[in-house]
Amino acid sequence: MHDPNFEHAILTTTGLVDALHPNAVAASHTETEGKGESMTMDKAFPQSPPSNRSESEGSSHGPGAGLLASGELAPDFNLKVTPDQTLSLSDLRGRPVILAFYPADWSPVCGDQMGLYNEVLPEFRKFGAALPCISVDGPCCHRAFAEARRLHFPLLADFEPKGMVARRYGAYRTKEGVSERALFVVDKNGTIRWSYCSPVAVNPGAEGILQALEDLAK
């Protein structure tokens, strides 16, 4: 994971350089902004979740009933970003991490959600936060999806054993065999500080993430 030549080679397709070195690709977003892809507040923050509690707190049913909550240690993982390269949560220790579990590449809601995070990425970067996103799709599928959407953050393959990491976070839909649409903000020491599980058909937006990062910075 620490080969600089590899990191730069996969910049445009996986966002791994961005994950490990958040200032390395700032120019790429300046170029995007120059093309007129401006972000409105309504687009950036649809269906904003509350930021002061985990969805799992006080709930025994519904989405996120078993979701790991604030104060729990985030389980480490080592998942493929490409067929022969991996990223671990421990690689990102020392900075905030946004973990975004989502059901599947190419689905409309997931495409909108990942596209939104691509636009909001400069705001996440102001807090020094990394953004690895995780689904049960394989690394080749992720690469095609990232290229099509021009994503600048890594998509991790929770592919085999299927959903193993999602299960550890309480974010796996056993009946459908996909991840929940679940969000976690993890502090620099690896402790979960905020979590939320959105209904699977709803884009959770970015407001809850940004509020959690602001609270973390206080």
Protein backbone atom coordinates (compact mmCIF):
# COMPACT_ATOMS: atom_id res chain seq x y z
CA MET A 1 0.00 0.00 0.00
CA HIS A 2 2.95 2.32 0.31
CA ASP A 3 4.39 2.09 -3.21
CA PRO A 4 4.22 5.70 -4.49
CA ASN A 5 4.31 4.60 -8.12
CA PHE A 6 1.26 2.41 -7.59
CA GLU A 7 -0.56 5.17 -5.72
CA HIS A 8 -0.19 7.64 -8.58
CA ALA A 9 -0.94 5.05 -11.26
CA ILE A 10 -4.42 4.38 -9.91
CA LEU A 11 -5.28 7.97 -9.06
CA THR A 12 -8.01 8.50 -11.64
CA THR A 13 -9.68 5.11 -11.27
CA THR A 14 -9.78 4.32 -7.56
CA GLY A 15 -9.13 7.49 -5.56
CA LEU A 16 -6.63 5.63 -3.38
CA VAL A 17 -4.09 8.45 -3.45
CA ASP A 18 -6.85 10.75 -2.25
CA ALA A 19 -7.60 8.36 0.60
CA LEU A 20 -4.01 8.13 1.78
CA HIS A 21 -2.87 11.68 0.88
CA PRO A 22 -5.83 14.09 0.80
CA ASN A 23 -3.88 17.01 -0.68
CA ALA A 24 -2.46 15.03 -3.58
CA VAL A 25 -5.35 15.52 -5.97
CA ALA A 26 -6.83 18.89 -5.03
CA ALA A 27 -6.22 20.13 -8.56
CA SER A 28 -8.54 17.49 -10.01
CA HIS A 29 -11.51 19.01 -8.21
CA THR A 30 -10.56 22.51 -9.27
CA GLU A 31 -10.73 21.29 -12.88
CA THR A 32 -14.15 19.74 -12.27
CA GLU A 33 -15.48 22.91 -10.67
CA GLY A 34 -14.26 24.88 -13.66
CA LYS A 35 -16.59 22.86 -15.89
CA GLY A 36 -19.61 24.35 -14.19
CA GLU A 37 -20.60 21.36 -12.05
CA SER A 38 -21.71 23.58 -9.21
CA MET A 39 -23.38 22.18 -6.10
CA THR A 40 -26.62 23.53 -4.65
CA MET A 41 -27.59 23.14 -1.01
CA ASP A 42 -30.70 21.12 -1.92
CA LYS A 43 -28.64 18.69 -3.98
CA ALA A 44 -25.90 18.36 -1.37
CA PHE A 45 -28.13 17.64 1.59
CA PRO A 46 -31.16 15.52 0.61
CA GLN A 47 -32.89 13.56 3.38
CA SER A 48 -30.41 14.69 6.02
CA PRO A 49 -30.06 12.29 8.96
CA PRO A 50 -29.74 13.46 12.57
CA SER A 51 -26.14 13.82 13.69
CA ASN A 52 -26.41 13.48 17.47
CA ARG A 53 -27.08 9.75 17.73
CA SER A 54 -26.72 6.45 15.97
CA GLU A 55 -29.81 5.19 14.17
CA SER A 56 -29.32 1.97 16.13
CA GLU A 57 -29.67 3.60 19.55
CA GLY A 58 -33.01 2.89 21.14
CA SER A 59 -34.18 0.82 18.17
CA SER A 60 -34.69 -2.93 17.95
CA HIS A 61 -36.13 -3.13 14.43
CA GLY A 62 -36.03 -1.47 11.03
CA PRO A 63 -32.99 -0.24 9.11
CA GLY A 64 -29.78 -0.34 11.10
CA ALA A 65 -31.21 -2.20 14.10
CA GLY A 66 -27.81 -3.84 14.73
CA LEU A 67 -25.63 -0.98 13.50
CA LEU A 68 -22.47 -0.28 15.48
CA ALA A 69 -22.98 2.88 17.51
CA SER A 70 -20.97 5.87 18.67
CA GLY A 71 -18.26 4.93 21.16
CA GLU A 72 -17.58 1.47 19.72
CA LEU A 73 -14.24 0.58 18.16
CA ALA A 74 -14.47 0.40 14.38
CA PRO A 75 -13.49 -3.11 13.22
CA ASP A 76 -10.38 -3.12 11.07
CA PHE A 77 -10.56 -4.59 7.58
CA ASN A 78 -8.39 -5.20 4.54
CA LEU A 79 -10.37 -5.01 1.29
CA LYS A 80 -9.46 -4.94 -2.37
CA VAL A 81 -9.45 -1.64 -4.24
CA THR A 82 -8.10 -3.28 -7.40
CA PRO A 83 -7.69 -6.99 -8.13
CA ASP A 84 -4.19 -6.96 -6.60
CA GLN A 85 -4.14 -4.01 -4.19
CA THR A 86 -5.89 -3.50 -0.86
CA LEU A 87 -6.72 -0.78 1.64
CA SER A 88 -7.09 -1.25 5.41
CA LEU A 89 -8.85 0.96 7.92
CA SER A 90 -5.59 0.95 9.90
CA ASP A 91 -3.85 2.54 6.88
CA LEU A 92 -5.94 5.64 7.59
CA ARG A 93 -5.26 5.81 11.33
CA GLY A 94 -4.45 9.33 12.50
CA ARG A 95 -7.22 11.10 10.54
CA PRO A 96 -11.03 11.03 10.48
CA VAL A 97 -12.58 8.39 8.24
CA ILE A 98 -16.02 8.39 6.63
CA LEU A 99 -17.14 4.83 5.92
CA ALA A 100 -20.03 4.72 3.48
CA PHE A 101 -21.60 1.30 2.93
CA TYR A 102 -23.96 1.14 -0.06
CA PRO A 103 -25.93 -1.67 -1.72
CA ALA A 104 -24.57 -1.83 -5.28
CA ASP A 105 -22.70 -0.09 -8.08
CA TRP A 106 -24.83 1.18 -10.97
CA SER A 107 -28.12 1.42 -9.07
CA PRO A 108 -29.76 4.88 -9.42
CA VAL A 109 -29.72 5.85 -5.74
CA CYS A 110 -26.16 4.60 -5.24
CA GLY A 111 -25.03 6.48 -8.34
CA ASP A 112 -26.59 9.69 -7.02
CA GLN A 113 -25.09 9.17 -3.57
CA MET A 114 -21.56 8.52 -4.85
CA GLY A 115 -21.84 11.42 -7.29
CA LEU A 116 -22.89 13.71 -4.46
CA TYR A 117 -19.94 12.66 -2.29
CA ASN A 118 -17.63 13.30 -5.22
CA GLU A 119 -18.88 16.90 -5.32
CA VAL A 120 -18.78 17.34 -1.53
CA LEU A 121 -15.29 15.80 -1.26
CA PRO A 122 -13.57 19.22 -0.89
CA GLU A 123 -15.75 19.86 2.18
CA PHE A 124 -14.77 16.51 3.67
CA ARG A 125 -11.14 17.33 2.94
CA LYS A 126 -11.31 20.49 5.04
CA PHE A 127 -11.50 18.14 8.04
CA GLY A 128 -8.71 15.91 6.68
CA ALA A 129 -11.21 13.08 6.31
CA ALA A 130 -10.77 10.01 4.12
CA LEU A 131 -13.76 8.53 2.29
CA PRO A 132 -13.60 4.80 1.53
CA CYS A 133 -16.95 3.49 0.26
CA ILE A 134 -17.85 -0.19 0.52
CA SER A 135 -20.22 -2.56 -1.26
CA VAL A 136 -20.29 -6.27 -2.08
CA ASP A 137 -19.38 -5.63 -5.74
CA GLY A 138 -16.05 -6.95 -6.99
CA PRO A 139 -13.00 -4.75 -7.69
CA CYS A 140 -13.41 -4.86 -11.48
CA CYS A 141 -17.01 -3.71 -11.20
CA HIS A 142 -15.90 -0.95 -8.84
CA ARG A 143 -13.23 0.20 -11.26
CA ALA A 144 -15.68 0.48 -14.14
CA PHE A 145 -18.18 2.33 -11.95
CA ALA A 146 -15.51 4.72 -10.62
CA GLU A 147 -14.27 5.46 -14.12
CA ALA A 148 -17.79 6.09 -15.43
CA ARG A 149 -18.60 8.41 -12.52
CA ARG A 150 -15.09 9.95 -12.35
CA LEU A 151 -14.94 9.30 -8.62
CA HIS A 152 -11.96 10.54 -6.63
CA PHE A 153 -12.27 8.24 -3.62
CA PRO A 154 -11.70 4.48 -3.29
CA LEU A 155 -14.45 1.88 -3.67
CA LEU A 156 -13.70 -1.21 -1.58
CA ALA A 157 -14.87 -4.70 -2.51
CA ASP A 158 -16.54 -6.55 0.39
CA PHE A 159 -16.83 -9.37 -2.11
CA GLU A 160 -15.37 -12.57 -0.69
CA PRO A 161 -16.30 -13.66 1.90
CA LYS A 162 -19.38 -11.77 0.75
CA GLY A 163 -20.41 -8.96 3.08
CA MET A 164 -17.98 -9.96 5.83
CA VAL A 165 -17.06 -6.37 6.72
CA ALA A 166 -20.64 -5.12 6.44
CA ARG A 167 -21.69 -7.87 8.85
CA ARG A 168 -19.06 -6.73 11.38
CA TYR A 169 -20.54 -3.24 11.29
CA GLY A 170 -24.12 -4.47 11.54
CA ALA A 171 -24.75 -3.15 8.04
CA TYR A 172 -25.61 -6.24 5.97
CA ARG A 173 -28.98 -7.10 4.43
CA THR A 174 -28.97 -10.90 4.62
CA LYS A 175 -32.14 -11.44 2.58
CA GLU A 176 -30.91 -9.37 -0.38
CA GLY A 177 -27.22 -10.18 0.04
CA VAL A 178 -26.09 -6.53 -0.08
CA SER A 179 -24.90 -3.84 2.32
CA GLU A 180 -27.24 -1.48 4.08
CA ARG A 181 -27.00 2.19 3.09
CA ALA A 182 -25.03 2.96 6.24
CA LEU A 183 -22.66 5.75 7.24
CA PHE A 184 -19.99 5.89 9.93
CA VAL A 185 -17.65 8.67 11.01
CA VAL A 186 -14.57 7.23 12.72
CA ASP A 187 -12.11 9.38 14.66
CA LYS A 188 -8.33 9.39 14.25
CA ASN A 189 -7.98 6.70 16.93
CA GLY A 190 -10.37 4.27 15.26
CA THR A 191 -13.46 4.87 17.40
CA ILE A 192 -16.89 5.35 15.82
CA ARG A 193 -18.23 8.82 16.66
CA TRP A 194 -21.40 8.79 14.56
CA SER A 195 -23.39 6.22 12.60
CA TYR A 196 -26.58 6.27 10.60
CA CYS A 197 -28.54 3.79 8.49
CA SER A 198 -30.75 5.24 5.77
CA PRO A 199 -33.70 3.43 4.20
CA VAL A 200 -32.14 1.58 1.30
CA ALA A 201 -34.08 3.55 -1.32
CA VAL A 202 -33.14 6.95 0.14
CA ASN A 203 -29.98 8.95 -0.52
CA PRO A 204 -28.82 9.99 2.98
CA GLY A 205 -27.06 13.10 1.71
CA ALA A 206 -24.00 14.64 3.34
CA GLU A 207 -25.26 16.99 6.03
CA GLY A 208 -25.09 14.41 8.83
CA ILE A 209 -21.52 13.51 7.88
CA LEU A 210 -20.42 17.15 7.82
CA GLN A 211 -22.07 17.86 11.18
CA ALA A 212 -20.36 14.82 12.70
CA LEU A 213 -16.99 15.99 11.34
CA GLU A 214 -17.60 19.46 12.77
CA ASP A 215 -18.46 17.96 16.16
CA LEU A 216 -15.33 15.83 15.99
CA ALA A 217 -13.18 18.89 15.34
CA LYS A 218 -14.44 20.75 18.41
